[in-house]
Amino acid sequence: MAEGGQRQQGQQQGQQQGQQQSPAQRLARALQGIRQVQHMLELNSPQQTNAIAALRQAGDIVWAEIQRIQQQR
């Protein structure tokens, strides 16, 4: 299979997994990515204070939404 075909198959599998996940699970995965980028910036580019602060704020918002969803259960 060509590389493009493998990529497309991986995207389809990811979309199928996304459909099986709850909204809180999808948000948790997004939060993981946000925090990963935030930590990478803090380590490699600490002078990027505005970007770090924006990522921290975005992560906090996503975390609050996850908490809200879980309290509704």
PDB file of N, CA and C in Angstrom:
ATOM      1  N   MET A   1       0.841  -1.174   0.000  1.00  0.00           N
ATOM      2  CA  MET A   1       0.000   0.000   0.000  1.00  0.00           C
ATOM      3  C   MET A   1       0.891   1.244   0.000  1.00  0.00           C
ATOM      4  N   ALA A   2       0.520   2.218  -0.748  1.00  0.00           N
ATOM      5  CA  ALA A   2       1.299   3.451  -0.834  1.00  0.00           C
ATOM      6  C   ALA A   2       1.171   4.244   0.465  1.00  0.00           C
ATOM      7  N   GLU A   3       2.143   5.122   0.675  1.00  0.00           N
ATOM      8  CA  GLU A   3       2.149   5.899   1.917  1.00  0.00           C
ATOM      9  C   GLU A   3       0.865   6.714   2.072  1.00  0.00           C
ATOM     10  N   GLY A   4       0.389   7.310   1.011  1.00  0.00           N
ATOM     11  CA  GLY A   4      -0.849   8.095   1.063  1.00  0.00           C
ATOM     12  C   GLY A   4      -2.040   7.241   1.455  1.00  0.00           C
ATOM     13  N   GLY A   5      -2.087   6.025   0.958  1.00  0.00           N
ATOM     14  CA  GLY A   5      -3.166   5.115   1.307  1.00  0.00           C
ATOM     15  C   GLY A   5      -3.135   4.740   2.776  1.00  0.00           C
ATOM     16  N   GLN A   6      -1.941   4.553   3.312  1.00  0.00           N
ATOM     17  CA  GLN A   6      -1.811   4.231   4.732  1.00  0.00           C
ATOM     18  C   GLN A   6      -2.265   5.414   5.582  1.00  0.00           C
ATOM     19  N   ARG A   7      -1.900   6.601   5.151  1.00  0.00           N
ATOM     20  CA  ARG A   7      -2.290   7.800   5.896  1.00  0.00           C
ATOM     21  C   ARG A   7      -3.812   7.929   5.900  1.00  0.00           C
ATOM     22  N   GLN A   8      -4.429   7.719   4.747  1.00  0.00           N
ATOM     23  CA  GLN A   8      -5.880   7.819   4.653  1.00  0.00           C
ATOM     24  C   GLN A   8      -6.552   6.762   5.534  1.00  0.00           C
ATOM     25  N   GLN A   9      -6.024   5.554   5.529  1.00  0.00           N
ATOM     26  CA  GLN A   9      -6.579   4.494   6.355  1.00  0.00           C
ATOM     27  C   GLN A   9      -6.454   4.861   7.840  1.00  0.00           C
ATOM     28  N   GLY A  10      -5.318   5.427   8.231  1.00  0.00           N
ATOM     29  CA  GLY A  10      -5.118   5.856   9.609  1.00  0.00           C
ATOM     30  C   GLY A  10      -6.094   6.949  10.002  1.00  0.00           C
ATOM     31  N   GLN A  11      -6.358   7.885   9.087  1.00  0.00           N
ATOM     32  CA  GLN A  11      -7.305   8.956   9.373  1.00  0.00           C
ATOM     33  C   GLN A  11      -8.707   8.392   9.549  1.00  0.00           C
ATOM     34  N   GLN A  12      -9.076   7.414   8.713  1.00  0.00           N
ATOM     35  CA  GLN A  12     -10.397   6.804   8.830  1.00  0.00           C
ATOM     36  C   GLN A  12     -10.530   6.066  10.155  1.00  0.00           C
ATOM     37  N   GLN A  13      -9.491   5.365  10.566  1.00  0.00           N
ATOM     38  CA  GLN A  13      -9.524   4.672  11.845  1.00  0.00           C
ATOM     39  C   GLN A  13      -9.642   5.677  12.986  1.00  0.00           C
ATOM     40  N   GLY A  14      -8.918   6.776  12.889  1.00  0.00           N
ATOM     41  CA  GLY A  14      -8.997   7.815  13.904  1.00  0.00           C
ATOM     42  C   GLY A  14     -10.387   8.417  13.981  1.00  0.00           C
ATOM     43  N   GLN A  15     -11.020   8.622  12.836  1.00  0.00           N
ATOM     44  CA  GLN A  15     -12.372   9.161  12.822  1.00  0.00           C
ATOM     45  C   GLN A  15     -13.351   8.166  13.430  1.00  0.00           C
ATOM     46  N   GLN A  16     -13.174   6.881  13.138  1.00  0.00           N
ATOM     47  CA  GLN A  16     -14.053   5.863  13.714  1.00  0.00           C
ATOM     48  C   GLN A  16     -13.886   5.814  15.225  1.00  0.00           C
ATOM     49  N   GLN A  17     -12.657   5.901  15.695  1.00  0.00           N
ATOM     50  CA  GLN A  17     -12.421   5.909  17.129  1.00  0.00           C
ATOM     51  C   GLN A  17     -13.041   7.154  17.753  1.00  0.00           C
ATOM     52  N   GLY A  18     -12.942   8.265  17.060  1.00  0.00           N
ATOM     53  CA  GLY A  18     -13.526   9.501  17.555  1.00  0.00           C
ATOM     54  C   GLY A  18     -15.028   9.399  17.696  1.00  0.00           C
ATOM     55  N   GLN A  19     -15.674   8.682  16.788  1.00  0.00           N
ATOM     56  CA  GLN A  19     -17.116   8.511  16.856  1.00  0.00           C
ATOM     57  C   GLN A  19     -17.506   7.624  18.037  1.00  0.00           C
ATOM     58  N   GLN A  20     -16.618   6.744  18.470  1.00  0.00           N
ATOM     59  CA  GLN A  20     -16.912   5.842  19.572  1.00  0.00           C
ATOM     60  C   GLN A  20     -16.616   6.483  20.926  1.00  0.00           C
ATOM     61  N   GLN A  21     -15.862   7.558  20.936  1.00  0.00           N
ATOM     62  CA  GLN A  21     -15.478   8.206  22.183  1.00  0.00           C
ATOM     63  C   GLN A  21     -16.553   9.192  22.627  1.00  0.00           C
ATOM     64  N   SER A  22     -16.648   9.352  23.930  1.00  0.00           N
ATOM     65  CA  SER A  22     -17.566  10.354  24.476  1.00  0.00           C
ATOM     66  C   SER A  22     -16.979  11.743  24.247  1.00  0.00           C
ATOM     67  N   PRO A  23     -17.808  12.773  24.362  1.00  0.00           N
ATOM     68  CA  PRO A  23     -17.275  14.136  24.236  1.00  0.00           C
ATOM     69  C   PRO A  23     -16.167  14.419  25.251  1.00  0.00           C
ATOM     70  N   ALA A  24     -16.311  13.919  26.469  1.00  0.00           N
ATOM     71  CA  ALA A  24     -15.279  14.142  27.492  1.00  0.00           C
ATOM     72  C   ALA A  24     -13.972  13.470  27.091  1.00  0.00           C
ATOM     73  N   GLN A  25     -14.052  12.294  26.482  1.00  0.00           N
ATOM     74  CA  GLN A  25     -12.843  11.598  26.043  1.00  0.00           C
ATOM     75  C   GLN A  25     -12.154  12.354  24.913  1.00  0.00           C
ATOM     76  N   ARG A  26     -12.943  12.889  23.990  1.00  0.00           N
ATOM     77  CA  ARG A  26     -12.357  13.660  22.894  1.00  0.00           C
ATOM     78  C   ARG A  26     -11.711  14.942  23.427  1.00  0.00           C
ATOM     79  N   LEU A  27     -12.355  15.582  24.393  1.00  0.00           N
ATOM     80  CA  LEU A  27     -11.772  16.779  24.998  1.00  0.00           C
ATOM     81  C   LEU A  27     -10.493  16.444  25.761  1.00  0.00           C
ATOM     82  N   ALA A  28     -10.480  15.300  26.421  1.00  0.00           N
ATOM     83  CA  ALA A  28      -9.279  14.889  27.160  1.00  0.00           C
ATOM     84  C   ALA A  28      -8.113  14.677  26.206  1.00  0.00           C
ATOM     85  N   ARG A  29      -8.396  14.128  25.032  1.00  0.00           N
ATOM     86  CA  ARG A  29      -7.343  13.933  24.032  1.00  0.00           C
ATOM     87  C   ARG A  29      -6.843  15.289  23.518  1.00  0.00           C
ATOM     88  N   ALA A  30      -7.766  16.220  23.319  1.00  0.00           N
ATOM     89  CA  ALA A  30      -7.370  17.569  22.893  1.00  0.00           C
ATOM     90  C   ALA A  30      -6.535  18.244  23.979  1.00  0.00           C
ATOM     91  N   LEU A  31      -6.939  18.070  25.231  1.00  0.00           N
ATOM     92  CA  LEU A  31      -6.201  18.655  26.340  1.00  0.00           C
ATOM     93  C   LEU A  31      -4.786  18.091  26.403  1.00  0.00           C
ATOM     94  N   GLN A  32      -4.658  16.814  26.151  1.00  0.00           N
ATOM     95  CA  GLN A  32      -3.335  16.183  26.149  1.00  0.00           C
ATOM     96  C   GLN A  32      -2.430  16.862  25.115  1.00  0.00           C
ATOM     97  N   GLY A  33      -2.960  17.121  23.930  1.00  0.00           N
ATOM     98  CA  GLY A  33      -2.179  17.792  22.897  1.00  0.00           C
ATOM     99  C   GLY A  33      -1.825  19.219  23.271  1.00  0.00           C
ATOM    100  N   ILE A  34      -2.777  19.932  23.849  1.00  0.00           N
ATOM    101  CA  ILE A  34      -2.521  21.310  24.273  1.00  0.00           C
ATOM    102  C   ILE A  34      -1.402  21.346  25.301  1.00  0.00           C
ATOM    103  N   ARG A  35      -1.498  20.488  26.315  1.00  0.00           N
ATOM    104  CA  ARG A  35      -0.484  20.470  27.374  1.00  0.00           C
ATOM    105  C   ARG A  35       0.878  20.041  26.839  1.00  0.00           C
ATOM    106  N   GLN A  36       0.870  19.124  25.876  1.00  0.00           N
ATOM    107  CA  GLN A  36       2.143  18.677  25.292  1.00  0.00           C
ATOM    108  C   GLN A  36       2.852  19.841  24.599  1.00  0.00           C
ATOM    109  N   VAL A  37       2.118  20.608  23.817  1.00  0.00           N
ATOM    110  CA  VAL A  37       2.705  21.757  23.130  1.00  0.00           C
ATOM    111  C   VAL A  37       3.128  22.823  24.145  1.00  0.00           C
ATOM    112  N   GLN A  38       2.296  23.037  25.162  1.00  0.00           N
ATOM    113  CA  GLN A  38       2.639  24.011  26.202  1.00  0.00           C
ATOM    114  C   GLN A  38       3.956  23.641  26.871  1.00  0.00           C
ATOM    115  N   HIS A  39       4.110  22.391  27.250  1.00  0.00           N
ATOM    116  CA  HIS A  39       5.339  21.966  27.915  1.00  0.00           C
ATOM    117  C   HIS A  39       6.548  22.051  26.991  1.00  0.00           C
ATOM    118  N   MET A  40       6.336  21.736  25.726  1.00  0.00           N
ATOM    119  CA  MET A  40       7.431  21.830  24.760  1.00  0.00           C
ATOM    120  C   MET A  40       7.897  23.283  24.638  1.00  0.00           C
ATOM    121  N   LEU A  41       6.957  24.209  24.577  1.00  0.00           N
ATOM    122  CA  LEU A  41       7.324  25.634  24.510  1.00  0.00           C
ATOM    123  C   LEU A  41       8.027  26.088  25.785  1.00  0.00           C
ATOM    124  N   GLU A  42       7.517  25.649  26.929  1.00  0.00           N
ATOM    125  CA  GLU A  42       8.133  26.057  28.192  1.00  0.00           C
ATOM    126  C   GLU A  42       9.592  25.591  28.273  1.00  0.00           C
ATOM    127  N   LEU A  43       9.848  24.408  27.742  1.00  0.00           N
ATOM    128  CA  LEU A  43      11.212  23.873  27.779  1.00  0.00           C
ATOM    129  C   LEU A  43      12.119  24.479  26.718  1.00  0.00           C
ATOM    130  N   ASN A  44      11.612  24.591  25.498  1.00  0.00           N
ATOM    131  CA  ASN A  44      12.448  24.981  24.362  1.00  0.00           C
ATOM    132  C   ASN A  44      12.409  26.465  24.018  1.00  0.00           C
ATOM    133  N   SER A  45      11.322  27.144  24.361  1.00  0.00           N
ATOM    134  CA  SER A  45      11.186  28.568  24.019  1.00  0.00           C
ATOM    135  C   SER A  45      10.511  29.321  25.162  1.00  0.00           C
ATOM    136  N   PRO A  46      11.126  29.356  26.319  1.00  0.00           N
ATOM    137  CA  PRO A  46      10.474  29.999  27.470  1.00  0.00           C
ATOM    138  C   PRO A  46      10.193  31.484  27.260  1.00  0.00           C
ATOM    139  N   GLN A  47      10.855  32.111  26.287  1.00  0.00           N
ATOM    140  CA  GLN A  47      10.609  33.530  26.015  1.00  0.00           C
ATOM    141  C   GLN A  47       9.261  33.750  25.333  1.00  0.00           C
ATOM    142  N   GLN A  48       8.625  32.693  24.850  1.00  0.00           N
ATOM    143  CA  GLN A  48       7.321  32.808  24.182  1.00  0.00           C
ATOM    144  C   GLN A  48       6.204  32.862  25.226  1.00  0.00           C
ATOM    145  N   THR A  49       6.257  33.856  26.077  1.00  0.00           N
ATOM    146  CA  THR A  49       5.340  33.907  27.213  1.00  0.00           C
ATOM    147  C   THR A  49       3.873  34.054  26.803  1.00  0.00           C
ATOM    148  N   ASN A  50       3.607  34.817  25.735  1.00  0.00           N
ATOM    149  CA  ASN A  50       2.218  34.989  25.295  1.00  0.00           C
ATOM    150  C   ASN A  50       1.638  33.675  24.787  1.00  0.00           C
ATOM    151  N   ALA A  51       2.419  32.945  24.015  1.00  0.00           N
ATOM    152  CA  ALA A  51       1.948  31.661  23.485  1.00  0.00           C
ATOM    153  C   ALA A  51       1.736  30.658  24.618  1.00  0.00           C
ATOM    154  N   ILE A  52       2.656  30.638  25.562  1.00  0.00           N
ATOM    155  CA  ILE A  52       2.539  29.719  26.706  1.00  0.00           C
ATOM    156  C   ILE A  52       1.289  30.057  27.518  1.00  0.00           C
ATOM    157  N   ALA A  53       1.066  31.344  27.753  1.00  0.00           N
ATOM    158  CA  ALA A  53      -0.108  31.769  28.511  1.00  0.00           C
ATOM    159  C   ALA A  53      -1.400  31.413  27.772  1.00  0.00           C
ATOM    160  N   ALA A  54      -1.412  31.579  26.455  1.00  0.00           N
ATOM    161  CA  ALA A  54      -2.604  31.242  25.663  1.00  0.00           C
ATOM    162  C   ALA A  54      -2.885  29.747  25.719  1.00  0.00           C
ATOM    163  N   LEU A  55      -1.835  28.931  25.622  1.00  0.00           N
ATOM    164  CA  LEU A  55      -2.019  27.483  25.716  1.00  0.00           C
ATOM    165  C   LEU A  55      -2.502  27.083  27.104  1.00  0.00           C
ATOM    166  N   ARG A  56      -1.952  27.712  28.120  1.00  0.00           N
ATOM    167  CA  ARG A  56      -2.388  27.411  29.491  1.00  0.00           C
ATOM    168  C   ARG A  56      -3.864  27.751  29.655  1.00  0.00           C
ATOM    169  N   GLN A  57      -4.271  28.900  29.136  1.00  0.00           N
ATOM    170  CA  GLN A  57      -5.668  29.307  29.241  1.00  0.00           C
ATOM    171  C   GLN A  57      -6.574  28.357  28.458  1.00  0.00           C
ATOM    172  N   ALA A  58      -6.163  27.985  27.265  1.00  0.00           N
ATOM    173  CA  ALA A  58      -6.958  27.046  26.465  1.00  0.00           C
ATOM    174  C   ALA A  58      -7.095  25.707  27.191  1.00  0.00           C
ATOM    175  N   GLY A  59      -5.999  25.227  27.753  1.00  0.00           N
ATOM    176  CA  GLY A  59      -6.044  23.976  28.494  1.00  0.00           C
ATOM    177  C   GLY A  59      -6.957  24.060  29.699  1.00  0.00           C
ATOM    178  N   ASP A  60      -6.919  25.171  30.392  1.00  0.00           N
ATOM    179  CA  ASP A  60      -7.787  25.355  31.552  1.00  0.00           C
ATOM    180  C   ASP A  60      -9.259  25.362  31.153  1.00  0.00           C
ATOM    181  N   ILE A  61      -9.560  25.971  30.021  1.00  0.00           N
ATOM    182  CA  ILE A  61     -10.945  26.007  29.531  1.00  0.00           C
ATOM    183  C   ILE A  61     -11.413  24.602  29.173  1.00  0.00           C
ATOM    184  N   VAL A  62     -10.571  23.860  28.471  1.00  0.00           N
ATOM    185  CA  VAL A  62     -10.930  22.490  28.099  1.00  0.00           C
ATOM    186  C   VAL A  62     -11.111  21.637  29.353  1.00  0.00           C
ATOM    187  N   TRP A  63     -10.216  21.790  30.333  1.00  0.00           N
ATOM    188  CA  TRP A  63     -10.324  21.026  31.574  1.00  0.00           C
ATOM    189  C   TRP A  63     -11.634  21.356  32.303  1.00  0.00           C
ATOM    190  N   ALA A  64     -12.003  22.631  32.354  1.00  0.00           N
ATOM    191  CA  ALA A  64     -13.254  23.037  32.998  1.00  0.00           C
ATOM    192  C   ALA A  64     -14.453  22.412  32.289  1.00  0.00           C
ATOM    193  N   GLU A  65     -14.397  22.326  30.987  1.00  0.00           N
ATOM    194  CA  GLU A  65     -15.494  21.720  30.223  1.00  0.00           C
ATOM    195  C   GLU A  65     -15.576  20.217  30.497  1.00  0.00           C
ATOM    196  N   ILE A  66     -14.438  19.553  30.593  1.00  0.00           N
ATOM    197  CA  ILE A  66     -14.432  18.127  30.941  1.00  0.00           C
ATOM    198  C   ILE A  66     -15.075  17.938  32.314  1.00  0.00           C
ATOM    199  N   GLN A  67     -14.697  18.775  33.276  1.00  0.00           N
ATOM    200  CA  GLN A  67     -15.268  18.684  34.623  1.00  0.00           C
ATOM    201  C   GLN A  67     -16.779  18.909  34.599  1.00  0.00           C
ATOM    202  N   ARG A  68     -17.222  19.881  33.805  1.00  0.00           N
ATOM    203  CA  ARG A  68     -18.664  20.181  33.706  1.00  0.00           C
ATOM    204  C   ARG A  68     -19.421  18.987  33.146  1.00  0.00           C
ATOM    205  N   ILE A  69     -18.875  18.374  32.099  1.00  0.00           N
ATOM    206  CA  ILE A  69     -19.517  17.209  31.490  1.00  0.00           C
ATOM    207  C   ILE A  69     -19.611  16.059  32.494  1.00  0.00           C
ATOM    208  N   GLN A  70     -18.537  15.831  33.233  1.00  0.00           N
ATOM    209  CA  GLN A  70     -18.531  14.724  34.174  1.00  0.00           C
ATOM    210  C   GLN A  70     -19.488  14.965  35.340  1.00  0.00           C
ATOM    211  N   GLN A  71     -19.700  16.215  35.727  1.00  0.00           N
ATOM    212  CA  GLN A  71     -20.631  16.505  36.824  1.00  0.00           C
ATOM    213  C   GLN A  71     -22.084  16.299  36.397  1.00  0.00           C
ATOM    214  N   GLN A  72     -22.346  16.384  35.092  1.00  0.00           N
ATOM    215  CA  GLN A  72     -23.702  16.207  34.592  1.00  0.00           C
ATOM    216  C   GLN A  72     -24.120  14.739  34.565  1.00  0.00           C
ATOM    217  N   ARG A  73     -23.150  13.848  34.654  1.00  0.00           N
ATOM    218  CA  ARG A  73     -23.476  12.411  34.593  1.00  0.00           C
ATOM    219  C   ARG A  73     -24.142  11.941  35.851  1.00  0.00           C
TER     220      ARG A  73
END
